[in-house]
Amino acid sequence: MSIDDALPSRPRFLTIEQVADELAVGLPTVRQLLKSGELRGLQIGGRGIWRVGAKDLEDNIDQAYRVTANRIAAGDVSDDLASGTM
């Protein structure tokens, strides 16, 4: 195993801007996810700079897939996909 193999493919912590890019959403959406506790994050320093662990983001995405699959199975998802609106 080389040193490069031991390094993570992305930083351990992401800024809210990086999270927004990763999820293809706006900053207000990420802030709301953090505020509601749906996305786990932490504030660092006196200015309360937010960071989200890469694993926490992946866990949130996995949970969103599970919730969506359950909604589809229960018939709770409308045909919004077909019309292009969501």
C-alpha atoms as a PDB file:
ATOM      1  CA  MET A   1       0.000   0.000   0.000  1.00  0.00           C
ATOM      2  CA  SER A   2       1.444   3.375  -0.992  1.00  0.00           C
ATOM      3  CA  ILE A   3       0.976   6.653   0.857  1.00  0.00           C
ATOM      4  CA  ASP A   4      -1.444   7.765  -1.880  1.00  0.00           C
ATOM      5  CA  ASP A   5      -3.663   4.743  -1.142  1.00  0.00           C
ATOM      6  CA  ALA A   6      -3.986   5.837   2.484  1.00  0.00           C
ATOM      7  CA  LEU A   7      -5.094   9.383   1.612  1.00  0.00           C
ATOM      8  CA  PRO A   8      -8.830  10.036   1.300  1.00  0.00           C
ATOM      9  CA  SER A   9     -10.118  10.945  -2.149  1.00  0.00           C
ATOM     10  CA  ARG A  10     -11.597  14.143  -0.752  1.00  0.00           C
ATOM     11  CA  PRO A  11     -11.142  16.214   2.378  1.00  0.00           C
ATOM     12  CA  ARG A  12     -12.527  14.881   5.638  1.00  0.00           C
ATOM     13  CA  PHE A  13     -14.615  18.028   6.092  1.00  0.00           C
ATOM     14  CA  LEU A  14     -16.480  20.015   3.456  1.00  0.00           C
ATOM     15  CA  THR A  15     -17.627  23.634   3.430  1.00  0.00           C
ATOM     16  CA  ILE A  16     -21.317  24.307   2.957  1.00  0.00           C
ATOM     17  CA  GLU A  17     -20.447  25.574  -0.527  1.00  0.00           C
ATOM     18  CA  GLN A  18     -18.840  22.218  -1.352  1.00  0.00           C
ATOM     19  CA  VAL A  19     -21.869  20.377   0.033  1.00  0.00           C
ATOM     20  CA  ALA A  20     -24.185  22.534  -2.087  1.00  0.00           C
ATOM     21  CA  ASP A  21     -22.102  21.736  -5.174  1.00  0.00           C
ATOM     22  CA  GLU A  22     -22.082  18.031  -4.361  1.00  0.00           C
ATOM     23  CA  LEU A  23     -25.876  17.937  -3.921  1.00  0.00           C
ATOM     24  CA  ALA A  24     -26.522  20.387  -6.788  1.00  0.00           C
ATOM     25  CA  VAL A  25     -28.617  22.616  -4.507  1.00  0.00           C
ATOM     26  CA  GLY A  26     -28.344  26.177  -3.246  1.00  0.00           C
ATOM     27  CA  LEU A  27     -26.711  27.329  -0.030  1.00  0.00           C
ATOM     28  CA  PRO A  28     -30.089  28.044   1.627  1.00  0.00           C
ATOM     29  CA  THR A  29     -31.039  24.390   1.160  1.00  0.00           C
ATOM     30  CA  VAL A  30     -27.829  23.200   2.822  1.00  0.00           C
ATOM     31  CA  ARG A  31     -28.299  25.661   5.676  1.00  0.00           C
ATOM     32  CA  GLN A  32     -31.868  24.400   6.190  1.00  0.00           C
ATOM     33  CA  LEU A  33     -30.667  20.762   6.199  1.00  0.00           C
ATOM     34  CA  LEU A  34     -28.119  21.681   8.872  1.00  0.00           C
ATOM     35  CA  LYS A  35     -30.606  23.726  10.903  1.00  0.00           C
ATOM     36  CA  SER A  36     -33.191  20.925  10.869  1.00  0.00           C
ATOM     37  CA  GLY A  37     -30.604  18.324  11.835  1.00  0.00           C
ATOM     38  CA  GLU A  38     -31.303  16.309   8.696  1.00  0.00           C
ATOM     39  CA  LEU A  39     -27.663  16.850   7.730  1.00  0.00           C
ATOM     40  CA  ARG A  40     -25.104  16.508  10.484  1.00  0.00           C
ATOM     41  CA  GLY A  41     -22.540  19.289  10.688  1.00  0.00           C
ATOM     42  CA  LEU A  42     -20.426  21.204  13.151  1.00  0.00           C
ATOM     43  CA  GLN A  43     -19.510  24.792  13.807  1.00  0.00           C
ATOM     44  CA  ILE A  44     -15.864  25.647  14.222  1.00  0.00           C
ATOM     45  CA  GLY A  45     -14.426  28.703  15.908  1.00  0.00           C
ATOM     46  CA  GLY A  46     -15.953  31.867  17.257  1.00  0.00           C
ATOM     47  CA  ARG A  47     -17.521  32.838  13.959  1.00  0.00           C
ATOM     48  CA  GLY A  48     -19.454  29.578  13.718  1.00  0.00           C
ATOM     49  CA  ILE A  49     -18.034  28.425  10.404  1.00  0.00           C
ATOM     50  CA  TRP A  50     -19.908  25.291   9.321  1.00  0.00           C
ATOM     51  CA  ARG A  51     -18.236  22.085   8.197  1.00  0.00           C
ATOM     52  CA  VAL A  52     -19.809  18.799   7.173  1.00  0.00           C
ATOM     53  CA  GLY A  53     -17.955  15.520   7.432  1.00  0.00           C
ATOM     54  CA  ALA A  54     -17.632  13.716   4.106  1.00  0.00           C
ATOM     55  CA  LYS A  55     -19.011  10.578   5.764  1.00  0.00           C
ATOM     56  CA  ASP A  56     -21.950  12.548   7.193  1.00  0.00           C
ATOM     57  CA  LEU A  57     -22.780  13.791   3.697  1.00  0.00           C
ATOM     58  CA  GLU A  58     -22.601  10.243   2.300  1.00  0.00           C
ATOM     59  CA  ASP A  59     -24.796   8.986   5.161  1.00  0.00           C
ATOM     60  CA  ASN A  60     -27.332  11.726   4.408  1.00  0.00           C
ATOM     61  CA  ILE A  61     -27.405  10.762   0.725  1.00  0.00           C
ATOM     62  CA  ASP A  62     -27.863   7.074   1.608  1.00  0.00           C
ATOM     63  CA  GLN A  63     -30.741   7.983   3.950  1.00  0.00           C
ATOM     64  CA  ALA A  64     -32.373  10.125   1.251  1.00  0.00           C
ATOM     65  CA  TYR A  65     -32.227   7.159  -1.156  1.00  0.00           C
ATOM     66  CA  ARG A  66     -33.878   4.910   1.468  1.00  0.00           C
ATOM     67  CA  VAL A  67     -36.630   7.458   2.176  1.00  0.00           C
ATOM     68  CA  THR A  68     -37.286   7.917  -1.531  1.00  0.00           C
ATOM     69  CA  ALA A  69     -37.401   4.160  -2.159  1.00  0.00           C
ATOM     70  CA  ASN A  70     -39.892   3.757   0.705  1.00  0.00           C
ATOM     71  CA  ARG A  71     -42.051   6.578  -0.667  1.00  0.00           C
ATOM     72  CA  ILE A  72     -42.043   5.002  -4.114  1.00  0.00           C
ATOM     73  CA  ALA A  73     -42.939   1.592  -2.684  1.00  0.00           C
ATOM     74  CA  ALA A  74     -45.798   3.154  -0.713  1.00  0.00           C
ATOM     75  CA  GLY A  75     -47.084   4.984  -3.797  1.00  0.00           C
ATOM     76  CA  ASP A  76     -46.436   8.387  -2.233  1.00  0.00           C
ATOM     77  CA  VAL A  77     -44.485   9.772  -5.203  1.00  0.00           C
ATOM     78  CA  SER A  78     -46.491  11.548  -7.873  1.00  0.00           C
ATOM     79  CA  ASP A  79     -45.678  11.604 -11.568  1.00  0.00           C
ATOM     80  CA  ASP A  80     -43.648  14.810 -11.112  1.00  0.00           C
ATOM     81  CA  LEU A  81     -40.673  13.022 -12.664  1.00  0.00           C
ATOM     82  CA  ALA A  82     -42.499  12.593 -15.957  1.00  0.00           C
ATOM     83  CA  SER A  83     -43.445  16.266 -16.154  1.00  0.00           C
ATOM     84  CA  GLY A  84     -39.973  17.486 -15.192  1.00  0.00           C
ATOM     85  CA  THR A  85     -41.140  19.212 -11.996  1.00  0.00           C
ATOM     86  CA  MET A  86     -40.439  18.076  -8.497  1.00  0.00           C
END
